[in-house]
Protein backbone atom coordinates (compact mmCIF):
# COMPACT_ATOMS: atom_id res chain seq x y z
CA UNK A 1 -16.59 0.65 -15.18
CA UNK A 2 -13.00 -0.44 -14.82
CA UNK A 3 -11.68 -2.06 -11.67
CA UNK A 4 -9.92 1.11 -10.63
CA UNK A 5 -11.66 4.08 -9.04
CA UNK A 6 -10.62 7.68 -9.16
CA UNK A 7 -10.37 9.60 -5.93
CA UNK A 8 -13.25 12.02 -5.78
CA UNK A 9 -14.10 15.60 -4.80
CA UNK A 10 -14.46 16.43 -1.13
CA UNK A 11 -18.23 16.57 -1.12
CA UNK A 12 -18.37 12.92 -2.21
CA UNK A 13 -15.35 11.70 -0.28
CA UNK A 14 -16.03 12.82 3.27
CA UNK A 15 -18.54 10.05 3.82
CA UNK A 16 -15.83 7.47 3.17
CA UNK A 17 -12.75 9.12 4.63
CA UNK A 18 -12.98 10.91 7.93
CA UNK A 19 -9.73 11.49 9.88
CA UNK A 20 -6.91 13.66 11.72
CA UNK A 21 -3.93 16.18 12.13
CA UNK A 22 -2.56 18.57 14.72
CA UNK A 23 -3.23 22.24 14.20
CA UNK A 24 0.10 23.77 13.24
CA UNK A 25 0.86 27.34 14.23
CA UNK A 26 1.29 28.32 10.61
CA UNK A 27 -1.92 26.85 9.25
CA UNK A 28 -3.69 29.37 7.02
CA UNK A 29 -7.36 30.00 6.37
CA UNK A 30 -8.66 32.37 3.76
CA UNK A 31 -11.81 33.05 1.78
CA UNK A 32 -12.02 33.58 -1.97
CA UNK A 33 -14.77 34.17 -4.50
CA UNK A 34 -14.62 32.76 -8.01
CA UNK A 35 -17.38 33.27 -10.56
CA UNK A 36 -19.89 34.01 -7.84
CA UNK A 37 -19.01 30.96 -5.71
CA UNK A 38 -17.48 31.45 -2.24
CA UNK A 39 -14.68 29.12 -1.15
CA UNK A 40 -12.98 28.50 2.18
CA UNK A 41 -9.30 27.70 1.71
CA UNK A 42 -7.37 25.86 4.43
CA UNK A 43 -3.63 25.25 4.10
CA UNK A 44 -2.18 22.70 6.51
CA UNK A 45 1.42 23.57 7.33
CA UNK A 46 2.39 20.18 8.80
CA UNK A 47 1.58 18.18 5.68
CA UNK A 48 1.36 20.72 2.88
CA UNK A 49 -2.20 19.57 2.21
CA UNK A 50 -4.84 22.05 1.14
CA UNK A 51 -8.62 22.01 1.44
CA UNK A 52 -10.68 24.27 -0.78
CA UNK A 53 -14.40 23.90 -0.28
CA UNK A 54 -17.87 25.36 -0.51
CA UNK A 55 -20.13 25.11 2.53
CA UNK A 56 -23.83 24.35 2.20
CA UNK A 57 -24.14 24.67 -1.57
CA UNK A 58 -27.71 23.35 -1.46
CA UNK A 59 -26.76 20.42 -3.67
CA UNK A 60 -27.78 16.94 -2.47
CA UNK A 61 -27.77 17.57 1.29
CA UNK A 62 -30.55 19.92 2.35
CA UNK A 63 -31.45 18.49 5.76
CA UNK A 64 -31.81 21.32 8.31
CA UNK A 65 -28.93 21.38 10.79
CA UNK A 66 -26.66 19.21 8.62
CA UNK A 67 -23.67 20.97 7.09
CA UNK A 68 -22.54 19.92 3.63
CA UNK A 69 -19.11 20.59 2.10
CA UNK A 70 -17.88 20.14 -1.44
CA UNK A 71 -14.56 20.90 -3.05
CA UNK A 72 -11.08 19.45 -3.17
CA UNK A 73 -8.51 17.85 -0.93
CA UNK A 74 -5.10 18.60 -2.42
CA UNK A 75 -1.60 17.55 -1.47
CA UNK A 76 1.74 17.96 -3.21
CA UNK A 77 2.42 20.25 -6.13
CA UNK A 78 -0.75 20.68 -8.19
CA UNK A 79 -2.12 17.31 -7.01
CA UNK A 80 -5.86 17.54 -6.54
CA UNK A 81 -7.39 14.21 -5.56
CA UNK A 82 -7.04 12.80 -9.11
CA UNK A 83 -9.56 15.43 -10.23
CA UNK A 84 -7.26 17.80 -12.10
CA UNK A 85 -3.62 18.84 -12.19
CA UNK A 86 -0.54 16.64 -11.87
CA UNK A 87 -0.82 12.96 -10.99
CA UNK A 88 2.28 11.35 -9.50
CA UNK A 89 0.59 8.51 -7.65
CA UNK A 90 1.05 5.31 -9.65
CA UNK A 91 -0.06 2.57 -7.27
CA UNK A 92 -2.18 1.74 -4.27
CA UNK A 93 0.86 1.81 -2.00
CA UNK A 94 2.09 5.21 -3.20
CA UNK A 95 -1.41 6.64 -2.69
CA UNK A 96 -1.58 5.73 1.01
CA UNK A 97 0.75 8.46 2.40
CA UNK A 98 -1.17 11.15 0.53
CA UNK A 99 -4.49 9.91 1.85
CA UNK A 100 -3.09 9.98 5.40
CA UNK A 101 -1.94 13.58 4.89
CA UNK A 102 -5.35 14.58 3.59
CA UNK A 103 -7.00 13.04 6.64
CA UNK A 104 -4.58 14.92 8.89
CA UNK A 105 -5.52 18.17 7.16
CA UNK A 106 -9.21 17.33 7.41
CA UNK A 107 -8.97 16.94 11.19
CA UNK A 108 -7.06 20.18 11.50
CA UNK A 109 -9.85 22.03 9.66
CA UNK A 110 -12.64 20.10 11.39
CA UNK A 111 -11.29 19.23 14.87
CA UNK A 112 -14.77 18.36 16.12
CA UNK A 113 -14.39 15.01 14.34
CA UNK A 114 -10.91 14.03 15.50
CA UNK A 115 -12.08 11.87 18.41
CA UNK A 116 -14.79 10.11 16.46
CA UNK A 117 -14.55 6.44 15.51
CA UNK A 118 -13.17 6.17 11.99
CA UNK A 119 -14.17 3.53 9.46
CA UNK A 120 -13.12 2.79 5.90
CA UNK A 121 -15.81 1.20 3.72
CA UNK A 122 -14.97 0.40 0.11
CA UNK A 123 -15.96 -1.84 -2.78
CA UNK A 124 -14.40 -3.32 -5.92
CA UNK A 125 -10.82 -2.03 -6.18
CA UNK A 126 -11.26 -1.17 -2.52
CA UNK A 127 -10.02 -4.72 -1.96
CA UNK A 128 -6.65 -3.13 -2.71
CA UNK A 129 -6.84 0.35 -1.25
CA UNK A 130 -9.04 -0.44 1.75
CA UNK A 131 -6.52 -2.82 3.38
CA UNK A 132 -3.53 -0.72 2.26
CA UNK A 133 -4.89 2.57 3.60
CA UNK A 134 -6.03 0.94 6.83
CA UNK A 135 -2.64 -0.68 7.39
CA UNK A 136 -0.84 2.59 6.68
CA UNK A 137 -3.06 4.46 9.13
CA UNK A 138 -2.31 1.88 11.82
CA UNK A 139 1.43 2.16 11.11
CA UNK A 140 1.26 5.94 11.39
CA UNK A 141 -0.71 5.68 14.62
CA UNK A 142 2.04 3.49 16.06
CA UNK A 143 4.70 5.94 14.93
CA UNK A 144 2.80 8.81 16.56
CA UNK A 145 2.48 6.83 19.79
CA UNK A 146 6.22 6.11 19.82
CA UNK A 147 7.08 9.74 19.19
CA UNK A 148 8.90 9.08 15.92
CA UNK A 149 6.50 11.31 14.00
CA UNK A 150 4.07 14.08 14.92
CA UNK A 151 0.45 13.81 13.97
CA UNK A 152 -3.12 13.20 15.05
CA UNK A 153 -4.05 9.62 15.93
CA UNK A 154 -6.79 8.28 13.66
CA UNK A 155 -9.21 6.14 15.64
CA UNK A 156 -9.61 3.39 13.07
CA UNK A 157 -12.17 0.87 14.31
CA UNK A 158 -13.60 -0.70 11.15
CA UNK A 159 -12.81 -1.83 7.63
CA UNK A 160 -15.49 -3.03 5.24
CA UNK A 161 -15.00 -4.23 1.66
CA UNK A 162 -17.88 -5.42 -0.49
CA UNK A 163 -17.20 -7.33 -3.71
CA UNK A 164 -13.53 -6.45 -3.47
CA UNK A 165 -10.51 -7.36 -5.58
CA UNK A 166 -7.93 -8.63 -3.08
CA UNK A 167 -5.85 -11.34 -4.70
CA UNK A 168 -5.59 -12.25 -8.37
CA UNK A 169 -4.33 -15.79 -7.81
CA UNK A 170 -7.52 -16.65 -5.94
CA UNK A 171 -9.91 -14.47 -7.87
CA UNK A 172 -8.85 -15.20 -11.45
CA UNK A 173 -9.64 -18.86 -10.75
CA UNK A 174 -12.88 -17.79 -9.07
CA UNK A 175 -13.97 -16.33 -12.42
CA UNK A 176 -13.89 -19.87 -13.82
CA UNK A 177 -15.62 -21.51 -10.86
CA UNK A 178 -18.34 -18.86 -10.62
CA UNK A 179 -18.97 -18.86 -14.36
CA UNK A 180 -19.58 -22.61 -14.19
CA UNK A 181 -21.43 -23.11 -10.91
CA UNK A 182 -23.05 -19.90 -9.65
CA UNK A 183 -26.62 -20.11 -8.34
CA UNK A 184 -28.19 -18.07 -11.16
CA UNK A 185 -27.10 -19.52 -14.51
CA UNK A 186 -24.07 -21.33 -15.90
CA UNK A 187 -22.08 -19.31 -18.42
CA UNK A 188 -19.83 -22.11 -19.64
CA UNK A 189 -20.11 -25.83 -20.37
CA UNK A 190 -18.22 -28.58 -18.53
CA UNK A 191 -15.81 -28.82 -21.47
CA UNK A 192 -15.15 -25.07 -21.36
CA UNK A 193 -14.73 -25.25 -17.61
CA UNK A 194 -11.96 -27.83 -17.99
CA UNK A 195 -10.33 -25.76 -20.73
CA UNK A 196 -10.26 -22.60 -18.63
CA UNK A 197 -8.87 -24.45 -15.61
CA UNK A 198 -6.03 -25.73 -17.79
CA UNK A 199 -5.48 -22.24 -19.19
CA UNK A 200 -5.36 -20.80 -15.70
CA UNK A 201 -2.78 -23.36 -14.59
CA UNK A 202 -0.56 -22.99 -17.67
CA UNK A 203 -0.82 -19.27 -18.45
CA UNK A 204 -2.42 -17.05 -15.83
CA UNK A 205 -1.14 -18.63 -12.62
CA UNK A 206 2.53 -18.78 -13.71
CA UNK A 207 2.37 -15.11 -14.70
CA UNK A 208 0.94 -14.21 -11.30
CA UNK A 209 3.66 -16.25 -9.60
CA UNK A 210 6.27 -14.29 -11.57
CA UNK A 211 4.65 -11.02 -10.45
CA UNK A 212 4.74 -12.16 -6.81
CA UNK A 213 8.36 -13.35 -7.06
CA UNK A 214 9.92 -10.44 -8.94
CA UNK A 215 7.51 -7.69 -7.87
CA UNK A 216 8.51 -5.50 -10.81
CA UNK A 217 6.20 -3.30 -12.83
CA UNK A 218 7.09 -5.30 -15.95
CA UNK A 219 6.32 -8.69 -14.40
CA UNK A 220 3.07 -7.53 -12.80
CA UNK A 221 1.86 -5.61 -15.86
CA UNK A 222 2.55 -8.71 -17.93
CA UNK A 223 0.57 -10.82 -15.45
CA UNK A 224 -2.37 -8.45 -15.65
CA UNK A 225 -2.38 -8.65 -19.45
CA UNK A 226 -1.92 -12.42 -19.54
CA UNK A 227 -4.79 -13.14 -17.16
CA UNK A 228 -7.05 -10.60 -18.80
CA UNK A 229 -6.46 -12.08 -22.25
CA UNK A 230 -6.71 -15.73 -21.19
CA UNK A 231 -9.30 -15.76 -18.38
CA UNK A 232 -11.23 -12.62 -17.55
CA UNK A 233 -11.66 -11.24 -21.05
CA UNK A 234 -12.90 -14.40 -22.78
CA UNK A 235 -15.14 -15.40 -19.87
CA UNK A 236 -16.74 -11.96 -19.77
CA UNK A 237 -17.75 -12.51 -23.40
CA UNK A 238 -18.98 -16.07 -22.94
CA UNK A 239 -22.63 -14.96 -22.79
CA UNK A 240 -24.75 -11.82 -22.83
CA UNK A 241 -24.59 -10.74 -19.21
CA UNK A 242 -23.58 -7.78 -17.09
CA UNK A 243 -20.31 -8.41 -15.28
CA UNK A 244 -21.80 -6.44 -12.37
CA UNK A 245 -25.05 -8.43 -12.21
CA UNK A 246 -25.14 -11.84 -13.86
CA UNK A 247 -28.94 -11.79 -13.88
CA UNK A 248 -28.99 -8.89 -16.35
CA UNK A 249 -27.88 -8.40 -19.97
CA UNK A 250 -24.67 -6.57 -20.78
CA UNK A 251 -26.56 -3.31 -21.35
CA UNK A 252 -28.03 -3.41 -17.83
CA UNK A 253 -29.25 0.10 -16.91
CA UNK A 254 -28.79 -0.51 -13.18
CA UNK A 255 -27.59 1.09 -11.07
CA UNK A 256 -28.85 4.09 -13.07
CA UNK A 257 -26.36 6.69 -14.32
CA UNK A 258 -28.68 9.66 -13.91
CA UNK A 259 -26.40 11.04 -11.20
CA UNK A 260 -23.65 11.51 -13.80
CA UNK A 261 -25.89 13.74 -15.91
CA UNK A 262 -26.79 15.67 -12.77
CA UNK A 263 -23.16 16.18 -11.78
CA UNK A 264 -22.31 17.35 -15.31
CA UNK A 265 -24.83 20.17 -15.06
CA UNK A 266 -23.12 23.55 -15.26
CA UNK A 267 -25.25 24.89 -12.42
CA UNK A 268 -24.33 21.97 -10.17
CA UNK A 269 -20.62 22.17 -11.01
CA UNK A 270 -20.61 25.89 -10.19
CA UNK A 271 -22.51 25.44 -6.92
CA UNK A 272 -20.19 22.74 -5.56
CA UNK A 273 -17.03 24.48 -6.76
CA UNK A 274 -16.01 21.85 -9.31
CA UNK A 275 -12.96 22.63 -11.44
CA UNK A 276 -13.34 19.60 -13.68
CA UNK A 277 -16.17 17.36 -14.83
CA UNK A 278 -16.91 14.23 -12.83
CA UNK A 279 -15.62 10.91 -14.19
CA UNK A 280 -16.71 7.63 -12.66
CA UNK A 281 -13.46 5.91 -13.66
CA UNK A 282 -10.81 8.39 -14.74
CA UNK A 283 -8.72 6.99 -17.61
CA UNK A 284 -5.55 8.79 -16.53
CA UNK A 285 -5.64 7.26 -13.05
CA UNK A 286 -6.29 3.83 -14.52
CA UNK A 287 -3.31 4.16 -16.85
CA UNK A 288 -1.04 5.33 -14.04
CA UNK A 289 -1.86 2.31 -11.91
CA UNK A 290 -1.72 -0.07 -14.85
CA UNK A 291 1.81 1.08 -15.65
CA UNK A 292 3.06 -0.41 -12.36
CA UNK A 293 1.02 -3.61 -12.56
CA UNK A 294 -1.01 -2.66 -9.50
CA UNK A 295 -4.03 -4.83 -10.31
CA UNK A 296 -2.54 -8.35 -9.89
CA UNK A 297 -0.63 -7.55 -6.71
CA UNK A 298 -2.08 -9.25 -3.63
CA UNK A 299 -3.26 -7.19 -0.68
CA UNK A 300 -4.01 -10.17 1.54
CA UNK A 301 -0.92 -9.42 3.69
CA UNK A 302 -2.24 -5.93 4.40
CA UNK A 303 -5.73 -7.26 5.10
CA UNK A 304 -4.26 -9.83 7.48
CA UNK A 305 -2.27 -7.16 9.28
CA UNK A 306 -5.34 -4.99 9.76
CA UNK A 307 -7.33 -7.89 11.25
CA UNK A 308 -4.38 -8.82 13.49
CA UNK A 309 -4.26 -5.26 14.79
CA UNK A 310 -7.82 -5.57 16.07
CA UNK A 311 -9.72 -3.58 13.45
CA UNK A 312 -13.24 -4.98 13.03
CA UNK A 313 -13.26 -6.19 9.44
CA UNK A 314 -16.00 -7.42 7.13
CA UNK A 315 -15.64 -8.87 3.64
CA UNK A 316 -19.05 -9.14 2.03
CA UNK A 317 -20.34 -9.68 -1.46
CA UNK A 318 -23.49 -9.58 -3.53
CA UNK A 319 -23.91 -13.04 -5.00
CA UNK A 320 -25.03 -11.85 -8.47
CA UNK A 321 -21.80 -9.94 -9.13
CA UNK A 322 -19.39 -11.60 -11.55
CA UNK A 323 -16.45 -9.16 -11.71
CA UNK A 324 -15.55 -9.52 -7.99
CA UNK A 325 -17.73 -12.50 -7.23
CA UNK A 326 -18.53 -13.95 -3.83
CA UNK A 327 -16.63 -17.17 -4.53
CA UNK A 328 -13.36 -15.23 -4.71
CA UNK A 329 -14.29 -12.95 -1.82
CA UNK A 330 -14.95 -15.91 0.46
CA UNK A 331 -11.65 -17.50 -0.54
CA UNK A 332 -9.86 -14.22 0.14
CA UNK A 333 -11.48 -13.92 3.57
CA UNK A 334 -10.51 -17.49 4.42
CA UNK A 335 -6.91 -16.74 3.41
CA UNK A 336 -6.59 -13.94 5.99
CA UNK A 337 -3.87 -14.89 8.44
CA UNK A 338 -4.82 -14.22 12.06
CA UNK A 339 -5.26 -16.19 15.26
CA UNK A 340 -8.81 -17.18 14.30
CA UNK A 341 -8.03 -18.33 10.76
CA UNK A 342 -8.46 -22.07 11.29
CA UNK A 343 -11.77 -21.63 13.09
CA UNK A 344 -12.93 -19.16 10.43
CA UNK A 345 -12.06 -21.47 7.53
CA UNK A 346 -13.84 -24.43 9.11
CA UNK A 347 -16.94 -22.46 10.11
CA UNK A 348 -20.00 -23.07 7.94
CA UNK A 349 -22.06 -20.25 6.49
CA UNK A 350 -25.17 -19.56 8.57
CA UNK A 351 -28.32 -17.61 7.62
CA UNK A 352 -27.86 -13.84 7.85
CA UNK A 353 -31.18 -12.30 8.84
CA UNK A 354 -32.38 -8.72 8.90
CA UNK A 355 -35.30 -8.39 11.34
CA UNK A 356 -36.08 -12.07 10.96
CA UNK A 357 -35.84 -12.25 7.15
CA UNK A 358 -32.93 -14.16 5.64
CA UNK A 359 -30.94 -11.89 3.31
CA UNK A 360 -27.83 -14.00 2.89
CA UNK A 361 -25.35 -16.18 4.72
CA UNK A 362 -22.40 -15.33 6.94
CA UNK A 363 -19.72 -16.46 9.32
CA UNK A 364 -17.65 -14.56 11.85
CA UNK A 365 -14.71 -15.37 14.11
CA UNK A 366 -13.09 -12.68 16.21
CA UNK A 367 -12.40 -9.53 14.24
CA UNK A 368 -13.24 -10.99 10.82
CA UNK A 369 -16.66 -11.51 9.26
CA UNK A 370 -17.78 -12.64 5.82
CA UNK A 371 -21.22 -12.38 4.25
CA UNK A 372 -22.84 -13.46 1.01
CA UNK A 373 -25.78 -11.19 0.18
CA UNK A 374 -28.60 -12.74 -1.82
CA UNK A 375 -29.92 -10.97 -4.89
CA UNK A 376 -27.30 -8.24 -5.03
CA UNK A 377 -24.93 -7.17 -7.77
CA UNK A 378 -21.62 -5.36 -7.56
CA UNK A 379 -22.86 -2.28 -5.65
CA UNK A 380 -24.64 -4.13 -2.84
CA UNK A 381 -26.30 -1.10 -1.17
CA UNK A 382 -28.24 -0.33 -4.37
CA UNK A 383 -29.77 -3.80 -4.45
CA UNK A 384 -30.10 -4.56 -0.75
CA UNK A 385 -30.07 -1.33 1.30
CA UNK A 386 -31.47 -2.83 4.51
CA UNK A 387 -28.83 -5.55 4.80
CA UNK A 388 -26.13 -3.04 3.81
CA UNK A 389 -27.12 -0.71 6.61
CA UNK A 390 -27.08 -3.56 9.11
CA UNK A 391 -23.61 -4.69 7.99
CA UNK A 392 -22.34 -1.11 8.24
CA UNK A 393 -23.82 -0.47 11.68
CA UNK A 394 -22.65 -3.74 13.21
CA UNK A 395 -19.10 -3.30 11.90
CA UNK A 396 -18.83 0.36 12.96
CA UNK A 397 -19.99 -0.68 16.41
CA UNK A 398 -16.98 -3.05 16.49
CA UNK A 399 -19.21 -6.10 16.44
CA UNK A 400 -18.93 -9.25 14.33
CA UNK A 401 -21.86 -9.80 12.00
CA UNK A 402 -24.94 -11.35 13.57
CA UNK A 403 -28.54 -11.92 12.56
CA UNK A 404 -31.32 -9.70 13.85
């Protein structure tokens, strides 16, 4: 898995992105049948976005009374959520306006959701796109309120990022610190630790500073390559371990990939209306973002802005993950600029309990919370579902984290 996700078909995406748009007088709805599968097609005049979906395919969601939709959210000319067609999005920032348009179209098709609280929960590269999308939504909400644009306000109340990649300057160094002094097993010796710190200071950090100063695709792509070759790459090969769970070998079978085989089934693809085969990390999308040096760019300013605007925010991390480890996530959280920053930085981590059982540690000041989750790898909900549900519920209820 690379540190860059592809956007995914509607049936998988609606749980993560739920949002809004006014119903334009020229919106169009139609129904088509292709190869025995019935599609609803919704064309949103205000944004040019298009939804094409199958309702209640019988795949995955079969709970009585719960509707399930699968298909595609499309915007622009032949742009279909990174699933097929033309890809013109080349960075996290250029993706944000399209995501907002898709949310507007979603609300126009499903107006029953437009007054619901809206939360964005992400992981991994979501340390980039979570803050960026949230900030863009808040900016658009302000523009709607001022009358400078027309649209449906998106009631953003929460942002959650687990094991996210926010800031390369902090997190490339965190690779070295975590590899040496994590609570599971050291990956490098004291001599290697000193060597990597020197390498970071003389090679990786200067490249990242150049990326931040010039901001060009060339400078930032060079920084990504330099840090990968000098820090992340060598450290990831320093022992036989999974970068997503340091407790396991590199061929770790968890989380299982059986769902990929299931989604590649011809019968499943037909039922959900798929026009291309599912890819966990689409190579084309990765290459597009790599071409602009998206990876080493810091999204701490966006994260800070979201917290300042009053969105309940949680940064949390499984402590067995190496690739976006909790050392770097805590440092990123403590670097968030808001009126509670000093108190947040000085606060000590306290036990985080779920129904009386300690599952990790946490701290919270105002609209920002941080949690370390014990015994969890990169995809925390797989390893610790109970604590994940509690974090989700507390944050969506606009509450700072607290023990139960």
